[in-house]
PDB file of all heavy atoms in Angstrom:
ATOM      1  N   SER A   1      94.623 -24.455   2.323  1.00  0.00           N
ATOM      2  CA  SER A   1      93.540 -23.711   2.968  1.00  0.00           C
ATOM      3  C   SER A   1      92.276 -23.740   2.119  1.00  0.00           C
ATOM      4  O   SER A   1      91.163 -23.904   2.633  1.00  0.00           O
ATOM      5  CB  SER A   1      93.972 -22.262   3.218  1.00  0.00           C
ATOM      6  OG  SER A   1      95.026 -22.199   4.143  1.00  0.00           O
ATOM      7  N   ALA A   2      92.453 -23.589   0.794  1.00  0.00           N
ATOM      8  CA  ALA A   2      91.308 -23.648  -0.113  1.00  0.00           C
ATOM      9  C   ALA A   2      90.674 -25.038  -0.099  1.00  0.00           C
ATOM     10  O   ALA A   2      89.444 -25.180  -0.119  1.00  0.00           O
ATOM     11  CB  ALA A   2      91.732 -23.274  -1.528  1.00  0.00           C
ATOM     12  N   CYS A   3      91.510 -26.059  -0.035  1.00  0.00           N
ATOM     13  CA  CYS A   3      91.008 -27.438   0.013  1.00  0.00           C
ATOM     14  C   CYS A   3      90.228 -27.684   1.302  1.00  0.00           C
ATOM     15  O   CYS A   3      89.149 -28.288   1.279  1.00  0.00           O
ATOM     16  CB  CYS A   3      92.181 -28.409  -0.106  1.00  0.00           C
ATOM     17  SG  CYS A   3      91.698 -30.151  -0.100  1.00  0.00           S
ATOM     18  N   MET A   4      90.755 -27.212   2.413  1.00  0.00           N
ATOM     19  CA  MET A   4      90.044 -27.365   3.686  1.00  0.00           C
ATOM     20  C   MET A   4      88.710 -26.621   3.662  1.00  0.00           C
ATOM     21  O   MET A   4      87.710 -27.096   4.209  1.00  0.00           O
ATOM     22  CB  MET A   4      90.916 -26.846   4.824  1.00  0.00           C
ATOM     23  CG  MET A   4      92.146 -27.705   5.107  1.00  0.00           C
ATOM     24  SD  MET A   4      91.739 -29.320   5.784  1.00  0.00           S
ATOM     25  CE  MET A   4      91.325 -28.873   7.462  1.00  0.00           C
ATOM     26  N   ASN A   5      88.685 -25.484   2.994  1.00  0.00           N
ATOM     27  CA  ASN A   5      87.429 -24.751   2.858  1.00  0.00           C
ATOM     28  C   ASN A   5      86.428 -25.547   2.014  1.00  0.00           C
ATOM     29  O   ASN A   5      85.226 -25.542   2.290  1.00  0.00           O
ATOM     30  CB  ASN A   5      87.680 -23.381   2.223  1.00  0.00           C
ATOM     31  CG  ASN A   5      86.426 -22.547   2.131  1.00  0.00           C
ATOM     32  OD1 ASN A   5      85.756 -22.266   3.114  1.00  0.00           O
ATOM     33  ND2 ASN A   5      86.072 -22.144   0.912  1.00  0.00           N
ATOM     34  N   ASN A   6      86.942 -26.246   0.991  1.00  0.00           N
ATOM     35  CA  ASN A   6      86.072 -27.101   0.177  1.00  0.00           C
ATOM     36  C   ASN A   6      85.425 -28.183   1.037  1.00  0.00           C
ATOM     37  O   ASN A   6      84.210 -28.416   0.961  1.00  0.00           O
ATOM     38  CB  ASN A   6      86.870 -27.757  -0.945  1.00  0.00           C
ATOM     39  CG  ASN A   6      87.280 -26.785  -2.030  1.00  0.00           C
ATOM     40  OD1 ASN A   6      86.839 -25.635  -2.051  1.00  0.00           O
ATOM     41  ND2 ASN A   6      88.130 -27.228  -2.930  1.00  0.00           N
ATOM     42  N   THR A   7      86.241 -28.854   1.850  1.00  0.00           N
ATOM     43  CA  THR A   7      85.684 -29.928   2.690  1.00  0.00           C
ATOM     44  C   THR A   7      84.701 -29.367   3.707  1.00  0.00           C
ATOM     45  O   THR A   7      83.708 -30.024   4.046  1.00  0.00           O
ATOM     46  CB  THR A   7      86.801 -30.711   3.411  1.00  0.00           C
ATOM     47  OG1 THR A   7      87.530 -29.844   4.282  1.00  0.00           O
ATOM     48  CG2 THR A   7      87.759 -31.338   2.407  1.00  0.00           C
ATOM     49  N   ARG A   8      84.966 -28.157   4.176  1.00  0.00           N
ATOM     50  CA  ARG A   8      84.038 -27.526   5.126  1.00  0.00           C
ATOM     51  C   ARG A   8      82.687 -27.276   4.463  1.00  0.00           C
ATOM     52  O   ARG A   8      81.632 -27.611   5.029  1.00  0.00           O
ATOM     53  CB  ARG A   8      84.611 -26.216   5.642  1.00  0.00           C
ATOM     54  CG  ARG A   8      83.725 -25.520   6.686  1.00  0.00           C
ATOM     55  CD  ARG A   8      84.311 -24.182   7.116  1.00  0.00           C
ATOM     56  NE  ARG A   8      84.342 -23.230   6.028  1.00  0.00           N
ATOM     57  CZ  ARG A   8      83.299 -22.481   5.650  1.00  0.00           C
ATOM     58  NH1 ARG A   8      82.145 -22.580   6.284  1.00  0.00           N
ATOM     59  NH2 ARG A   8      83.409 -21.639   4.648  1.00  0.00           N
ATOM     60  N   GLN A   9      82.700 -26.691   3.261  1.00  0.00           N
ATOM     61  CA  GLN A   9      81.443 -26.402   2.571  1.00  0.00           C
ATOM     62  C   GLN A   9      80.685 -27.679   2.221  1.00  0.00           C
ATOM     63  O   GLN A   9      79.455 -27.743   2.366  1.00  0.00           O
ATOM     64  CB  GLN A   9      81.726 -25.592   1.299  1.00  0.00           C
ATOM     65  CG  GLN A   9      82.214 -24.185   1.563  1.00  0.00           C
ATOM     66  CD  GLN A   9      82.242 -23.349   0.301  1.00  0.00           C
ATOM     67  OE1 GLN A   9      81.226 -23.148  -0.355  1.00  0.00           O
ATOM     68  NE2 GLN A   9      83.420 -22.859  -0.058  1.00  0.00           N
ATOM     69  N   LEU A  10      81.418 -28.694   1.776  1.00  0.00           N
ATOM     70  CA  LEU A  10      80.756 -29.950   1.418  1.00  0.00           C
ATOM     71  C   LEU A  10      80.163 -30.633   2.643  1.00  0.00           C
ATOM     72  O   LEU A  10      79.040 -31.158   2.590  1.00  0.00           O
ATOM     73  CB  LEU A  10      81.755 -30.879   0.720  1.00  0.00           C
ATOM     74  CG  LEU A  10      82.198 -30.439  -0.676  1.00  0.00           C
ATOM     75  CD1 LEU A  10      83.366 -31.295  -1.163  1.00  0.00           C
ATOM     76  CD2 LEU A  10      81.042 -30.521  -1.676  1.00  0.00           C
ATOM     77  N   SER A  11      80.891 -30.627   3.752  1.00  0.00           N
ATOM     78  CA  SER A  11      80.377 -31.287   4.959  1.00  0.00           C
ATOM     79  C   SER A  11      79.154 -30.556   5.520  1.00  0.00           C
ATOM     80  O   SER A  11      78.189 -31.192   5.967  1.00  0.00           O
ATOM     81  CB  SER A  11      81.473 -31.393   6.018  1.00  0.00           C
ATOM     82  OG  SER A  11      81.900 -30.119   6.451  1.00  0.00           O
ATOM     83  N   LEU A  12      79.176 -29.239   5.474  1.00  0.00           N
ATOM     84  CA  LEU A  12      78.001 -28.484   5.927  1.00  0.00           C
ATOM     85  C   LEU A  12      76.798 -28.780   5.036  1.00  0.00           C
ATOM     86  O   LEU A  12      75.668 -28.894   5.524  1.00  0.00           O
ATOM     87  CB  LEU A  12      78.312 -26.985   5.927  1.00  0.00           C
ATOM     88  CG  LEU A  12      79.273 -26.497   7.010  1.00  0.00           C
ATOM     89  CD1 LEU A  12      79.559 -25.005   6.833  1.00  0.00           C
ATOM     90  CD2 LEU A  12      78.712 -26.761   8.409  1.00  0.00           C
ATOM     91  N   ALA A  13      77.053 -28.921   3.741  1.00  0.00           N
ATOM     92  CA  ALA A  13      75.960 -29.237   2.817  1.00  0.00           C
ATOM     93  C   ALA A  13      75.385 -30.624   3.111  1.00  0.00           C
ATOM     94  O   ALA A  13      74.171 -30.825   3.037  1.00  0.00           O
ATOM     95  CB  ALA A  13      76.460 -29.160   1.377  1.00  0.00           C
ATOM     96  N   VAL A  14      76.254 -31.581   3.435  1.00  0.00           N
ATOM     97  CA  VAL A  14      75.783 -32.927   3.794  1.00  0.00           C
ATOM     98  C   VAL A  14      74.874 -32.863   5.019  1.00  0.00           C
ATOM     99  O   VAL A  14      73.804 -33.492   5.056  1.00  0.00           O
ATOM    100  CB  VAL A  14      76.984 -33.864   4.058  1.00  0.00           C
ATOM    101  CG1 VAL A  14      76.516 -35.170   4.696  1.00  0.00           C
ATOM    102  CG2 VAL A  14      77.722 -34.167   2.761  1.00  0.00           C
ATOM    103  N   LEU A  15      75.264 -32.099   6.009  1.00  0.00           N
ATOM    104  CA  LEU A  15      74.456 -31.982   7.231  1.00  0.00           C
ATOM    105  C   LEU A  15      73.146 -31.232   6.976  1.00  0.00           C
ATOM    106  O   LEU A  15      72.106 -31.567   7.559  1.00  0.00           O
ATOM    107  CB  LEU A  15      75.273 -31.288   8.317  1.00  0.00           C
ATOM    108  CG  LEU A  15      76.505 -32.071   8.807  1.00  0.00           C
ATOM    109  CD1 LEU A  15      77.311 -31.232   9.792  1.00  0.00           C
ATOM    110  CD2 LEU A  15      76.101 -33.402   9.429  1.00  0.00           C
ATOM    111  N   MET A  16      73.179 -30.236   6.096  1.00  0.00           N
ATOM    112  CA  MET A  16      71.957 -29.516   5.737  1.00  0.00           C
ATOM    113  C   MET A  16      70.997 -30.436   4.997  1.00  0.00           C
ATOM    114  O   MET A  16      69.776 -30.398   5.226  1.00  0.00           O
ATOM    115  CB  MET A  16      72.306 -28.293   4.898  1.00  0.00           C
ATOM    116  CG  MET A  16      73.025 -27.201   5.668  1.00  0.00           C
ATOM    117  SD  MET A  16      73.688 -25.897   4.585  1.00  0.00           S
ATOM    118  CE  MET A  16      72.156 -25.158   4.001  1.00  0.00           C
ATOM    119  N   TYR A  17      71.543 -31.274   4.107  1.00  0.00           N
ATOM    120  CA  TYR A  17      70.713 -32.255   3.397  1.00  0.00           C
ATOM    121  C   TYR A  17      70.029 -33.171   4.413  1.00  0.00           C
ATOM    122  O   TYR A  17      68.814 -33.418   4.331  1.00  0.00           O
ATOM    123  CB  TYR A  17      71.577 -33.067   2.436  1.00  0.00           C
ATOM    124  CG  TYR A  17      70.839 -34.157   1.696  1.00  0.00           C
ATOM    125  CD1 TYR A  17      70.414 -33.971   0.385  1.00  0.00           C
ATOM    126  CD2 TYR A  17      70.561 -35.392   2.304  1.00  0.00           C
ATOM    127  CE1 TYR A  17      69.734 -34.977  -0.303  1.00  0.00           C
ATOM    128  CE2 TYR A  17      69.883 -36.391   1.635  1.00  0.00           C
ATOM    129  CZ  TYR A  17      69.467 -36.180   0.338  1.00  0.00           C
ATOM    130  OH  TYR A  17      68.796 -37.177  -0.335  1.00  0.00           O
ATOM    131  N   ALA A  18      70.799 -33.693   5.364  1.00  0.00           N
ATOM    132  CA  ALA A  18      70.232 -34.595   6.366  1.00  0.00           C
ATOM    133  C   ALA A  18      69.141 -33.900   7.175  1.00  0.00           C
ATOM    134  O   ALA A  18      68.109 -34.503   7.497  1.00  0.00           O
ATOM    135  CB  ALA A  18      71.341 -35.104   7.284  1.00  0.00           C
ATOM    136  N   GLN A  19      69.360 -32.640   7.494  1.00  0.00           N
ATOM    137  CA  GLN A  19      68.358 -31.886   8.251  1.00  0.00           C
ATOM    138  C   GLN A  19      67.050 -31.778   7.471  1.00  0.00           C
ATOM    139  O   GLN A  19      65.961 -31.842   8.048  1.00  0.00           O
ATOM    140  CB  GLN A  19      68.901 -30.501   8.572  1.00  0.00           C
ATOM    141  CG  GLN A  19      68.024 -29.681   9.509  1.00  0.00           C
ATOM    142  CD  GLN A  19      68.662 -28.363   9.884  1.00  0.00           C
ATOM    143  OE1 GLN A  19      69.371 -27.748   9.097  1.00  0.00           O
ATOM    144  NE2 GLN A  19      68.416 -27.907  11.101  1.00  0.00           N
ATOM    145  N   ASP A  20      67.148 -31.624   6.158  1.00  0.00           N
ATOM    146  CA  ASP A  20      65.953 -31.501   5.322  1.00  0.00           C
ATOM    147  C   ASP A  20      65.276 -32.839   5.037  1.00  0.00           C
ATOM    148  O   ASP A  20      64.141 -32.867   4.556  1.00  0.00           O
ATOM    149  CB  ASP A  20      66.312 -30.839   3.983  1.00  0.00           C
ATOM    150  CG  ASP A  20      66.591 -29.352   4.139  1.00  0.00           C
ATOM    151  OD1 ASP A  20      66.245 -28.793   5.202  1.00  0.00           O
ATOM    152  OD2 ASP A  20      67.152 -28.744   3.208  1.00  0.00           O
ATOM    153  N   TYR A  21      65.985 -33.946   5.286  1.00  0.00           N
ATOM    154  CA  TYR A  21      65.436 -35.274   4.983  1.00  0.00           C
ATOM    155  C   TYR A  21      65.346 -36.133   6.254  1.00  0.00           C
ATOM    156  O   TYR A  21      65.801 -37.281   6.278  1.00  0.00           O
ATOM    157  CB  TYR A  21      66.279 -35.971   3.906  1.00  0.00           C
ATOM    158  CG  TYR A  21      66.071 -35.380   2.526  1.00  0.00           C
ATOM    159  CD1 TYR A  21      66.819 -34.273   2.108  1.00  0.00           C
ATOM    160  CD2 TYR A  21      65.106 -35.884   1.652  1.00  0.00           C
ATOM    161  CE1 TYR A  21      66.617 -33.702   0.856  1.00  0.00           C
ATOM    162  CE2 TYR A  21      64.908 -35.329   0.398  1.00  0.00           C
ATOM    163  CZ  TYR A  21      65.659 -34.234   0.019  1.00  0.00           C
ATOM    164  OH  TYR A  21      65.456 -33.671  -1.230  1.00  0.00           O
ATOM    165  N   ASP A  22      64.755 -35.562   7.280  1.00  0.00           N
ATOM    166  CA  ASP A  22      64.460 -36.296   8.519  1.00  0.00           C
ATOM    167  C   ASP A  22      65.698 -36.932   9.135  1.00  0.00           C
ATOM    168  O   ASP A  22      65.650 -38.070   9.623  1.00  0.00           O
ATOM    169  CB  ASP A  22      63.393 -37.368   8.262  1.00  0.00           C
ATOM    170  CG  ASP A  22      62.074 -36.762   7.824  1.00  0.00           C
ATOM    171  OD1 ASP A  22      61.724 -35.678   8.338  1.00  0.00           O
ATOM    172  OD2 ASP A  22      61.409 -37.361   6.963  1.00  0.00           O
ATOM    173  N   GLU A  23      66.819 -36.200   9.097  1.00  0.00           N
ATOM    174  CA  GLU A  23      68.071 -36.656   9.726  1.00  0.00           C
ATOM    175  C   GLU A  23      68.617 -37.929   9.088  1.00  0.00           C
ATOM    176  O   GLU A  23      69.307 -38.724   9.751  1.00  0.00           O
ATOM    177  CB  GLU A  23      67.869 -36.868  11.226  1.00  0.00           C
ATOM    178  CG  GLU A  23      67.425 -35.618  11.980  1.00  0.00           C
ATOM    179  CD  GLU A  23      68.484 -34.512  11.938  1.00  0.00           C
ATOM    180  OE1 GLU A  23      69.624 -34.765  12.334  1.00  0.00           O
ATOM    181  OE2 GLU A  23      68.144 -33.396  11.492  1.00  0.00           O
ATOM    182  N   VAL A  24      68.332 -38.134   7.813  1.00  0.00           N
ATOM    183  CA  VAL A  24      68.855 -39.295   7.087  1.00  0.00           C
ATOM    184  C   VAL A  24      69.946 -38.822   6.133  1.00  0.00           C
ATOM    185  O   VAL A  24      69.782 -37.824   5.416  1.00  0.00           O
ATOM    186  CB  VAL A  24      67.737 -40.023   6.295  1.00  0.00           C
ATOM    187  CG1 VAL A  24      68.317 -41.124   5.413  1.00  0.00           C
ATOM    188  CG2 VAL A  24      66.713 -40.592   7.263  1.00  0.00           C
ATOM    189  N   LEU A  25      71.065 -39.548   6.096  1.00  0.00           N
ATOM    190  CA  LEU A  25      72.192 -39.182   5.244  1.00  0.00           C
ATOM    191  C   LEU A  25      71.896 -39.476   3.786  1.00  0.00           C
ATOM    192  O   LEU A  25      71.190 -40.439   3.453  1.00  0.00           O
ATOM    193  CB  LEU A  25      73.443 -39.948   5.680  1.00  0.00           C
ATOM    194  CG  LEU A  25      73.953 -39.645   7.090  1.00  0.00           C
ATOM    195  CD1 LEU A  25      75.051 -40.625   7.483  1.00  0.00           C
ATOM    196  CD2 LEU A  25      74.464 -38.210   7.180  1.00  0.00           C
ATOM    197  N   LEU A  26      72.467 -38.682   2.915  1.00  0.00           N
ATOM    198  CA  LEU A  26      72.289 -38.900   1.488  1.00  0.00           C
ATOM    199  C   LEU A  26      73.095 -40.107   1.022  1.00  0.00           C
ATOM    200  O   LEU A  26      74.074 -40.494   1.681  1.00  0.00           O
ATOM    201  CB  LEU A  26      72.719 -37.671   0.699  1.00  0.00           C
ATOM    202  CG  LEU A  26      74.211 -37.390   0.476  1.00  0.00           C
ATOM    203  CD1 LEU A  26      74.383 -36.297  -0.559  1.00  0.00           C
ATOM    204  CD2 LEU A  26      74.951 -37.011   1.745  1.00  0.00           C
ATOM    205  N   PRO A  27      72.726 -40.738  -0.089  1.00  0.00           N
ATOM    206  CA  PRO A  27      73.531 -41.823  -0.642  1.00  0.00           C
ATOM    207  C   PRO A  27      74.718 -41.277  -1.431  1.00  0.00           C
ATOM    208  O   PRO A  27      74.704 -40.121  -1.868  1.00  0.00           O
ATOM    209  CB  PRO A  27      72.550 -42.543  -1.571  1.00  0.00           C
ATOM    210  CG  PRO A  27      71.625 -41.462  -2.028  1.00  0.00           C
ATOM    211  CD  PRO A  27      71.481 -40.524  -0.845  1.00  0.00           C
ATOM    212  N   CYS A  28      75.733 -42.112  -1.612  1.00  0.00           N
ATOM    213  CA  CYS A  28      76.850 -41.734  -2.498  1.00  0.00           C
ATOM    214  C   CYS A  28      76.358 -41.555  -3.928  1.00  0.00           C
ATOM    215  O   CYS A  28      76.803 -40.658  -4.641  1.00  0.00           O
ATOM    216  CB  CYS A  28      77.925 -42.822  -2.492  1.00  0.00           C
ATOM    217  SG  CYS A  28      78.882 -42.933  -0.999  1.00  0.00           S
ATOM    218  N   ALA A  29      75.454 -42.441  -4.310  1.00  0.00           N
ATOM    219  CA  ALA A  29      74.906 -42.396  -5.670  1.00  0.00           C
ATOM    220  C   ALA A  29      73.616 -43.206  -5.713  1.00  0.00           C
ATOM    221  O   ALA A  29      73.428 -44.139  -4.930  1.00  0.00           O
ATOM    222  CB  ALA A  29      75.911 -42.963  -6.665  1.00  0.00           C
ATOM    223  N   TYR A  30      72.749 -42.816  -6.641  1.00  0.00           N
ATOM    224  CA  TYR A  30      71.536 -43.606  -6.865  1.00  0.00           C
ATOM    225  C   TYR A  30      71.031 -43.336  -8.270  1.00  0.00           C
ATOM    226  O   TYR A  30      71.451 -42.377  -8.932  1.00  0.00           O
ATOM    227  CB  TYR A  30      70.473 -43.292  -5.814  1.00  0.00           C
ATOM    228  CG  TYR A  30      69.623 -42.068  -6.102  1.00  0.00           C
ATOM    229  CD1 TYR A  30      68.327 -42.197  -6.585  1.00  0.00           C
ATOM    230  CD2 TYR A  30      70.123 -40.782  -5.908  1.00  0.00           C
ATOM    231  CE1 TYR A  30      67.551 -41.084  -6.852  1.00  0.00           C
ATOM    232  CE2 TYR A  30      69.358 -39.670  -6.170  1.00  0.00           C
ATOM    233  CZ  TYR A  30      68.069 -39.821  -6.646  1.00  0.00           C
ATOM    234  OH  TYR A  30      67.303 -38.715  -6.918  1.00  0.00           O
ATOM    235  N   ILE A  31      70.147 -44.189  -8.753  1.00  0.00           N
ATOM    236  CA  ILE A  31      69.596 -44.046 -10.102  1.00  0.00           C
ATOM    237  C   ILE A  31      68.237 -43.376 -10.003  1.00  0.00           C
ATOM    238  O   ILE A  31      67.322 -43.884  -9.335  1.00  0.00           O
ATOM    239  CB  ILE A  31      69.475 -45.414 -10.797  1.00  0.00           C
ATOM    240  CG1 ILE A  31      70.873 -46.051 -10.938  1.00  0.00           C
ATOM    241  CG2 ILE A  31      68.825 -45.256 -12.174  1.00  0.00           C
ATOM    242  CD1 ILE A  31      70.844 -47.451 -11.498  1.00  0.00           C
ATOM    243  N   ASP A  32      68.105 -42.232 -10.651  1.00  0.00           N
ATOM    244  CA  ASP A  32      66.844 -41.494 -10.637  1.00  0.00           C
ATOM    245  C   ASP A  32      65.785 -42.276 -11.421  1.00  0.00           C
ATOM    246  O   ASP A  32      65.991 -42.625 -12.594  1.00  0.00           O
ATOM    247  CB  ASP A  32      67.045 -40.111 -11.261  1.00  0.00           C
ATOM    248  CG  ASP A  32      65.779 -39.287 -11.216  1.00  0.00           C
ATOM    249  OD1 ASP A  32      65.383 -38.861 -10.130  1.00  0.00           O
ATOM    250  OD2 ASP A  32      65.182 -39.072 -12.299  1.00  0.00           O
ATOM    251  N   GLU A  33      64.662 -42.554 -10.785  1.00  0.00           N
ATOM    252  CA  GLU A  33      63.626 -43.377 -11.419  1.00  0.00           C
ATOM    253  C   GLU A  33      62.983 -42.680 -12.611  1.00  0.00           C
ATOM    254  O   GLU A  33      62.523 -43.334 -13.540  1.00  0.00           O
ATOM    255  CB  GLU A  33      62.563 -43.745 -10.383  1.00  0.00           C
ATOM    256  CG  GLU A  33      63.076 -44.638  -9.266  1.00  0.00           C
ATOM    257  CD  GLU A  33      61.985 -44.996  -8.277  1.00  0.00           C
ATOM    258  OE1 GLU A  33      60.856 -44.459  -8.427  1.00  0.00           O
ATOM    259  OE2 GLU A  33      62.256 -45.796  -7.355  1.00  0.00           O
ATOM    260  N   THR A  34      62.939 -41.369 -12.590  1.00  0.00           N
ATOM    261  CA  THR A  34      62.287 -40.632 -13.683  1.00  0.00           C
ATOM    262  C   THR A  34      63.158 -40.563 -14.924  1.00  0.00           C
ATOM    263  O   THR A  34      62.723 -40.893 -16.031  1.00  0.00           O
ATOM    264  CB  THR A  34      61.943 -39.202 -13.223  1.00  0.00           C
ATOM    265  OG1 THR A  34      61.108 -39.272 -12.069  1.00  0.00           O
ATOM    266  CG2 THR A  34      61.224 -38.443 -14.339  1.00  0.00           C
ATOM    267  N   SER A  35      64.419 -40.156 -14.734  1.00  0.00           N
ATOM    268  CA  SER A  35      65.304 -39.956 -15.888  1.00  0.00           C
ATOM    269  C   SER A  35      66.152 -41.182 -16.207  1.00  0.00           C
ATOM    270  O   SER A  35      66.648 -41.324 -17.320  1.00  0.00           O
ATOM    271  CB  SER A  35      66.236 -38.773 -15.630  1.00  0.00           C
ATOM    272  OG  SER A  35      67.104 -39.051 -14.532  1.00  0.00           O
ATOM    273  N   GLY A  36      66.318 -42.061 -15.215  1.00  0.00           N
ATOM    274  CA  GLY A  36      67.187 -43.214 -15.413  1.00  0.00           C
ATOM    275  C   GLY A  36      68.668 -42.885 -15.290  1.00  0.00           C
ATOM    276  O   GLY A  36      69.517 -43.756 -15.474  1.00  0.00           O
ATOM    277  N   LYS A  37      68.991 -41.651 -14.945  1.00  0.00           N
ATOM    278  CA  LYS A  37      70.385 -41.231 -14.827  1.00  0.00           C
ATOM    279  C   LYS A  37      70.922 -41.536 -13.429  1.00  0.00           C
ATOM    280  O   LYS A  37      70.186 -41.533 -12.453  1.00  0.00           O
ATOM    281  CB  LYS A  37      70.507 -39.735 -15.102  1.00  0.00           C
ATOM    282  CG  LYS A  37      70.183 -39.325 -16.535  1.00  0.00           C
ATOM    283  CD  LYS A  37      70.364 -37.819 -16.713  1.00  0.00           C
ATOM    284  CE  LYS A  37      70.079 -37.396 -18.144  1.00  0.00           C
ATOM    285  NZ  LYS A  37      70.242 -35.921 -18.329  1.00  0.00           N
ATOM    286  N   THR A  38      72.213 -41.795 -13.401  1.00  0.00           N
ATOM    287  CA  THR A  38      72.883 -41.975 -12.116  1.00  0.00           C
ATOM    288  C   THR A  38      73.261 -40.611 -11.554  1.00  0.00           C
ATOM    289  O   THR A  38      73.942 -39.823 -12.210  1.00  0.00           O
ATOM    290  CB  THR A  38      74.145 -42.837 -12.271  1.00  0.00           C
ATOM    291  OG1 THR A  38      73.781 -44.145 -12.723  1.00  0.00           O
ATOM    292  CG2 THR A  38      74.881 -42.956 -10.943  1.00  0.00           C
TER     293      THR A  38
END
């Protein structure tokens, strides 16, 4: 049940991110141009 709650919170966060970025999905990973960190 706790695991399912984790997936629920993460999936809602993914959809909220997309809503804030013109309905575009976030990447799995990317390199930040300022810091150079992944």
